Structure formats: structure tokens, C-alpha cells
Amino acid sequence: MKEVTVQELKEKKEAGDDFFLLDVREGWEYEVSNIEGVHIPLGELPDRISELEDQRDAEFIVMCRSGGRSGKAAEFLTAQGFSNVHNLKGGMTAWGKEIDPSVPVA
């Protein structure tokens, strides 16, 4: 599975790169903190994949709290034919530690 680091994500955001950030955490986690990704909880992803169809050719970066759920989501998307999918290594936990310590991690 392809991965990106939080530093690489920060650089992509700052450069204005074109990518699709998908946050697969639960709703309450997303409410506590988020970095402006599209929110579809992992458990809802199979039923809501049609919402992503128009982004099929985009670069996807999938995130969660620590990288486990986003890894499962990345594998699922790849199996569904999305070809440019990356897991955010360390998730929001790494973002809070390495990029923005003011971001609470639930």
C-alpha cells in the first residue's frame, strides 16, 4: 500500500496540489478535530462510494486517527478501481505531533 507522511500532506496542502483528502474516522472524532477532508466514516464507505465516483482519477489521501482504518479504506478503494490511493501514515495522531500540536486528537 502506498503511503504519504503528514509532512508530505502538509507540503501538498501548502502548494495547492490537486488531491482528494478522505477522512474515514467516526463523526464524533471528525467534530473534535479535522483538517478539512471529506468525511465518510469507514463503516459507511461501501454504501457511499458513489459519492466518490467523479473523483475516481484523482489522487486520494485517506486518513483516520492512526492509519489503521484508513489503510482498510485505501485497500477497499483500490479494489474498487481507484488507482492513485495513499494512506496517511500515522493519521491525525501524527498530524498533531509533527505538524500542528494545537489540533486535539480523539
N, C-alpha and C. Protein backbone atom coordinates (compact mmCIF):
# COMPACT_ATOMS: atom_id res chain seq x y z
N MET A 1 0.83 -1.18 0.00
CA MET A 1 0.00 0.00 0.00
C MET A 1 0.89 1.25 0.00
N LYS A 2 0.51 2.20 -0.82
CA LYS A 2 1.26 3.45 -0.89
C LYS A 2 0.87 4.33 0.30
N GLU A 3 1.86 5.02 0.85
CA GLU A 3 1.62 5.90 1.98
C GLU A 3 2.23 7.27 1.73
N VAL A 4 1.68 8.27 2.40
CA VAL A 4 2.30 9.58 2.45
C VAL A 4 2.45 9.94 3.92
N THR A 5 3.45 10.74 4.21
CA THR A 5 3.66 11.20 5.58
C THR A 5 2.86 12.47 5.81
N VAL A 6 2.71 12.84 7.07
CA VAL A 6 2.00 14.09 7.38
C VAL A 6 2.77 15.29 6.83
N GLN A 7 4.09 15.19 6.80
CA GLN A 7 4.89 16.29 6.24
C GLN A 7 4.61 16.43 4.74
N GLU A 8 4.51 15.30 4.04
CA GLU A 8 4.20 15.35 2.61
C GLU A 8 2.80 15.92 2.38
N LEU A 9 1.84 15.56 3.23
CA LEU A 9 0.49 16.10 3.12
C LEU A 9 0.51 17.61 3.36
N LYS A 10 1.23 18.04 4.36
CA LYS A 10 1.33 19.48 4.65
C LYS A 10 1.89 20.22 3.43
N GLU A 11 2.93 19.68 2.83
CA GLU A 11 3.54 20.30 1.65
C GLU A 11 2.55 20.35 0.49
N LYS A 12 1.77 19.29 0.30
CA LYS A 12 0.77 19.27 -0.77
C LYS A 12 -0.29 20.33 -0.53
N LYS A 13 -0.75 20.44 0.73
CA LYS A 13 -1.76 21.44 1.06
C LYS A 13 -1.21 22.85 0.82
N GLU A 14 0.00 23.11 1.27
CA GLU A 14 0.59 24.44 1.13
C GLU A 14 0.85 24.80 -0.33
N ALA A 15 1.18 23.80 -1.15
CA ALA A 15 1.46 24.04 -2.57
C ALA A 15 0.18 24.14 -3.39
N GLY A 16 -0.95 23.81 -2.77
CA GLY A 16 -2.21 23.84 -3.51
C GLY A 16 -2.35 22.70 -4.50
N ASP A 17 -1.65 21.60 -4.24
CA ASP A 17 -1.73 20.44 -5.12
C ASP A 17 -3.16 19.93 -5.19
N ASP A 18 -3.50 19.32 -6.31
CA ASP A 18 -4.82 18.78 -6.52
C ASP A 18 -4.87 17.34 -6.01
N PHE A 19 -5.57 17.11 -4.92
CA PHE A 19 -5.75 15.78 -4.37
C PHE A 19 -7.06 15.75 -3.60
N PHE A 20 -7.52 14.56 -3.28
CA PHE A 20 -8.78 14.37 -2.58
C PHE A 20 -8.45 13.78 -1.21
N LEU A 21 -8.71 14.52 -0.15
CA LEU A 21 -8.44 14.07 1.21
C LEU A 21 -9.73 13.46 1.78
N LEU A 22 -9.67 12.18 2.12
CA LEU A 22 -10.82 11.45 2.65
C LEU A 22 -10.56 11.06 4.09
N ASP A 23 -11.41 11.53 4.98
CA ASP A 23 -11.30 11.24 6.41
C ASP A 23 -12.32 10.17 6.75
N VAL A 24 -11.85 8.99 7.19
CA VAL A 24 -12.75 7.87 7.45
C VAL A 24 -13.00 7.62 8.95
N ARG A 25 -12.69 8.63 9.78
CA ARG A 25 -12.96 8.49 11.21
C ARG A 25 -14.46 8.60 11.48
N GLU A 26 -14.86 8.29 12.70
CA GLU A 26 -16.25 8.42 13.11
C GLU A 26 -16.62 9.91 13.22
N GLY A 27 -17.91 10.18 13.18
CA GLY A 27 -18.39 11.55 13.22
C GLY A 27 -17.91 12.34 14.43
N TRP A 28 -17.94 11.72 15.61
CA TRP A 28 -17.51 12.44 16.80
C TRP A 28 -16.03 12.78 16.74
N GLU A 29 -15.22 11.92 16.13
CA GLU A 29 -13.78 12.20 16.00
C GLU A 29 -13.56 13.38 15.06
N TYR A 30 -14.31 13.39 13.97
CA TYR A 30 -14.18 14.46 12.98
C TYR A 30 -14.60 15.80 13.60
N GLU A 31 -15.62 15.77 14.47
CA GLU A 31 -16.07 17.00 15.14
C GLU A 31 -15.01 17.54 16.09
N VAL A 32 -14.26 16.66 16.74
CA VAL A 32 -13.22 17.09 17.67
C VAL A 32 -12.09 17.80 16.93
N SER A 33 -11.69 17.24 15.80
CA SER A 33 -10.63 17.86 15.00
C SER A 33 -10.67 17.33 13.58
N ASN A 34 -10.39 18.21 12.65
CA ASN A 34 -10.28 17.77 11.26
C ASN A 34 -9.40 18.75 10.50
N ILE A 35 -8.89 18.30 9.38
CA ILE A 35 -8.04 19.15 8.55
C ILE A 35 -8.66 19.31 7.16
N GLU A 36 -10.00 19.45 7.18
CA GLU A 36 -10.78 19.80 6.01
C GLU A 36 -10.87 18.71 4.95
N GLY A 37 -10.80 17.47 5.36
CA GLY A 37 -11.03 16.40 4.41
C GLY A 37 -12.52 16.11 4.28
N VAL A 38 -12.88 15.42 3.22
CA VAL A 38 -14.26 14.96 3.06
C VAL A 38 -14.47 13.82 4.05
N HIS A 39 -15.56 13.88 4.79
CA HIS A 39 -15.78 12.92 5.87
C HIS A 39 -16.77 11.84 5.45
N ILE A 40 -16.28 10.60 5.35
CA ILE A 40 -17.13 9.42 5.17
C ILE A 40 -16.56 8.35 6.10
N PRO A 41 -17.26 8.05 7.21
CA PRO A 41 -16.76 7.02 8.12
C PRO A 41 -16.53 5.68 7.40
N LEU A 42 -15.52 4.96 7.84
CA LEU A 42 -15.15 3.70 7.21
C LEU A 42 -16.34 2.76 7.04
N GLY A 43 -17.17 2.63 8.07
CA GLY A 43 -18.32 1.74 8.01
C GLY A 43 -19.36 2.13 6.97
N GLU A 44 -19.36 3.39 6.56
CA GLU A 44 -20.32 3.87 5.57
C GLU A 44 -19.74 3.87 4.15
N LEU A 45 -18.45 3.67 4.04
CA LEU A 45 -17.79 3.80 2.74
C LEU A 45 -18.37 2.91 1.64
N PRO A 46 -18.63 1.62 1.89
CA PRO A 46 -19.18 0.79 0.80
C PRO A 46 -20.52 1.33 0.27
N ASP A 47 -21.36 1.84 1.17
CA ASP A 47 -22.67 2.35 0.75
C ASP A 47 -22.59 3.75 0.13
N ARG A 48 -21.50 4.45 0.37
CA ARG A 48 -21.39 5.83 -0.11
C ARG A 48 -20.33 6.02 -1.20
N ILE A 49 -19.81 4.92 -1.72
CA ILE A 49 -18.73 5.02 -2.71
C ILE A 49 -19.17 5.79 -3.95
N SER A 50 -20.46 5.78 -4.25
CA SER A 50 -20.95 6.52 -5.42
C SER A 50 -20.65 8.01 -5.30
N GLU A 51 -20.51 8.51 -4.07
CA GLU A 51 -20.19 9.92 -3.85
C GLU A 51 -18.77 10.26 -4.32
N LEU A 52 -17.95 9.24 -4.52
CA LEU A 52 -16.55 9.45 -4.91
C LEU A 52 -16.30 9.18 -6.39
N GLU A 53 -17.29 8.68 -7.10
CA GLU A 53 -17.11 8.26 -8.49
C GLU A 53 -16.52 9.36 -9.37
N ASP A 54 -16.96 10.60 -9.19
CA ASP A 54 -16.46 11.68 -10.05
C ASP A 54 -15.01 12.05 -9.73
N GLN A 55 -14.47 11.49 -8.67
CA GLN A 55 -13.07 11.72 -8.28
C GLN A 55 -12.19 10.50 -8.55
N ARG A 56 -12.72 9.53 -9.27
CA ARG A 56 -12.04 8.24 -9.47
C ARG A 56 -10.59 8.38 -9.92
N ASP A 57 -10.29 9.36 -10.77
CA ASP A 57 -8.93 9.52 -11.30
C ASP A 57 -8.05 10.44 -10.47
N ALA A 58 -8.60 10.98 -9.40
CA ALA A 58 -7.84 11.91 -8.55
C ALA A 58 -6.85 11.15 -7.67
N GLU A 59 -5.89 11.88 -7.16
CA GLU A 59 -5.02 11.32 -6.12
C GLU A 59 -5.80 11.36 -4.82
N PHE A 60 -5.96 10.21 -4.18
CA PHE A 60 -6.65 10.12 -2.90
C PHE A 60 -5.63 9.97 -1.78
N ILE A 61 -5.85 10.72 -0.72
CA ILE A 61 -5.11 10.51 0.53
C ILE A 61 -6.18 10.21 1.58
N VAL A 62 -6.09 9.03 2.17
CA VAL A 62 -7.10 8.58 3.12
C VAL A 62 -6.51 8.65 4.52
N MET A 63 -7.29 9.19 5.46
CA MET A 63 -6.77 9.38 6.81
C MET A 63 -7.77 8.93 7.87
N CYS A 64 -7.22 8.60 9.03
CA CYS A 64 -8.01 8.29 10.22
C CYS A 64 -7.21 8.78 11.43
N ARG A 65 -7.42 8.18 12.59
CA ARG A 65 -6.70 8.62 13.78
C ARG A 65 -5.23 8.21 13.74
N SER A 66 -4.97 6.94 13.37
CA SER A 66 -3.58 6.48 13.42
C SER A 66 -3.10 5.75 12.17
N GLY A 67 -3.99 5.48 11.22
CA GLY A 67 -3.58 4.84 9.98
C GLY A 67 -4.17 3.48 9.71
N GLY A 68 -4.78 2.85 10.71
CA GLY A 68 -5.34 1.51 10.53
C GLY A 68 -6.61 1.50 9.69
N ARG A 69 -7.60 2.28 10.11
CA ARG A 69 -8.86 2.33 9.36
C ARG A 69 -8.65 2.90 7.96
N SER A 70 -7.79 3.91 7.87
CA SER A 70 -7.53 4.49 6.54
C SER A 70 -6.83 3.49 5.64
N GLY A 71 -6.01 2.63 6.21
CA GLY A 71 -5.38 1.58 5.42
C GLY A 71 -6.42 0.63 4.84
N LYS A 72 -7.42 0.27 5.65
CA LYS A 72 -8.50 -0.60 5.17
C LYS A 72 -9.30 0.12 4.07
N ALA A 73 -9.56 1.41 4.29
CA ALA A 73 -10.31 2.18 3.29
C ALA A 73 -9.51 2.30 1.99
N ALA A 74 -8.20 2.50 2.10
CA ALA A 74 -7.36 2.61 0.91
C ALA A 74 -7.38 1.29 0.13
N GLU A 75 -7.31 0.17 0.84
CA GLU A 75 -7.38 -1.13 0.18
C GLU A 75 -8.73 -1.32 -0.51
N PHE A 76 -9.80 -0.91 0.15
CA PHE A 76 -11.13 -1.02 -0.42
C PHE A 76 -11.24 -0.19 -1.70
N LEU A 77 -10.79 1.06 -1.64
CA LEU A 77 -10.87 1.94 -2.81
C LEU A 77 -10.05 1.37 -3.97
N THR A 78 -8.88 0.86 -3.66
CA THR A 78 -8.03 0.27 -4.70
C THR A 78 -8.75 -0.92 -5.34
N ALA A 79 -9.38 -1.75 -4.52
CA ALA A 79 -10.12 -2.90 -5.03
C ALA A 79 -11.31 -2.48 -5.89
N GLN A 80 -11.82 -1.27 -5.66
CA GLN A 80 -12.94 -0.76 -6.43
C GLN A 80 -12.50 -0.03 -7.70
N GLY A 81 -11.19 -0.05 -7.97
CA GLY A 81 -10.69 0.53 -9.21
C GLY A 81 -10.12 1.93 -9.11
N PHE A 82 -10.04 2.47 -7.90
CA PHE A 82 -9.38 3.76 -7.71
C PHE A 82 -7.87 3.48 -7.76
N SER A 83 -7.16 4.15 -8.64
CA SER A 83 -5.79 3.73 -8.92
C SER A 83 -4.70 4.53 -8.22
N ASN A 84 -5.03 5.69 -7.66
CA ASN A 84 -4.00 6.54 -7.07
C ASN A 84 -4.36 6.84 -5.62
N VAL A 85 -4.30 5.82 -4.78
CA VAL A 85 -4.76 5.92 -3.39
C VAL A 85 -3.57 5.77 -2.44
N HIS A 86 -3.49 6.68 -1.47
CA HIS A 86 -2.42 6.66 -0.46
C HIS A 86 -3.03 6.70 0.93
N ASN A 87 -2.40 5.98 1.84
CA ASN A 87 -2.76 6.01 3.25
C ASN A 87 -1.91 7.08 3.93
N LEU A 88 -2.53 7.88 4.81
CA LEU A 88 -1.77 8.87 5.58
C LEU A 88 -1.13 8.16 6.77
N LYS A 89 0.16 8.03 6.72
CA LYS A 89 0.92 7.32 7.74
C LYS A 89 0.81 8.05 9.08
N GLY A 90 0.27 7.37 10.09
CA GLY A 90 0.16 7.94 11.43
C GLY A 90 -1.09 8.76 11.66
N GLY A 91 -1.83 9.09 10.60
CA GLY A 91 -3.11 9.79 10.72
C GLY A 91 -3.08 11.08 11.51
N MET A 92 -4.22 11.39 12.14
CA MET A 92 -4.34 12.63 12.91
C MET A 92 -3.40 12.65 14.10
N THR A 93 -3.06 11.50 14.63
CA THR A 93 -2.12 11.45 15.74
C THR A 93 -0.78 12.03 15.30
N ALA A 94 -0.30 11.60 14.15
CA ALA A 94 0.98 12.11 13.63
C ALA A 94 0.85 13.59 13.27
N TRP A 95 -0.30 13.99 12.70
CA TRP A 95 -0.50 15.40 12.34
C TRP A 95 -0.39 16.27 13.60
N GLY A 96 -1.03 15.83 14.68
CA GLY A 96 -0.99 16.58 15.93
C GLY A 96 0.40 16.65 16.54
N LYS A 97 1.16 15.59 16.41
CA LYS A 97 2.51 15.56 16.98
C LYS A 97 3.52 16.31 16.13
N GLU A 98 3.45 16.13 14.81
CA GLU A 98 4.50 16.63 13.93
C GLU A 98 4.19 17.95 13.22
N ILE A 99 2.92 18.24 13.01
CA ILE A 99 2.56 19.41 12.20
C ILE A 99 1.90 20.50 13.02
N ASP A 100 0.85 20.16 13.75
CA ASP A 100 0.07 21.17 14.48
C ASP A 100 -0.32 20.65 15.85
N PRO A 101 0.51 20.92 16.86
CA PRO A 101 0.22 20.43 18.22
C PRO A 101 -1.05 21.00 18.83
N SER A 102 -1.62 22.06 18.23
CA SER A 102 -2.86 22.62 18.77
C SER A 102 -4.08 21.79 18.36
N VAL A 103 -3.91 20.84 17.46
CA VAL A 103 -5.03 20.01 17.00
C VAL A 103 -5.26 18.90 18.01
N PRO A 104 -6.47 18.87 18.63
CA PRO A 104 -6.76 17.78 19.56
C PRO A 104 -6.99 16.49 18.79
N VAL A 105 -6.52 15.40 19.34
CA VAL A 105 -6.71 14.10 18.70
C VAL A 105 -7.58 13.24 19.61
N ALA A 106 -8.72 12.81 19.07
CA ALA A 106 -9.64 12.00 19.87
C ALA A 106 -9.46 10.53 19.52
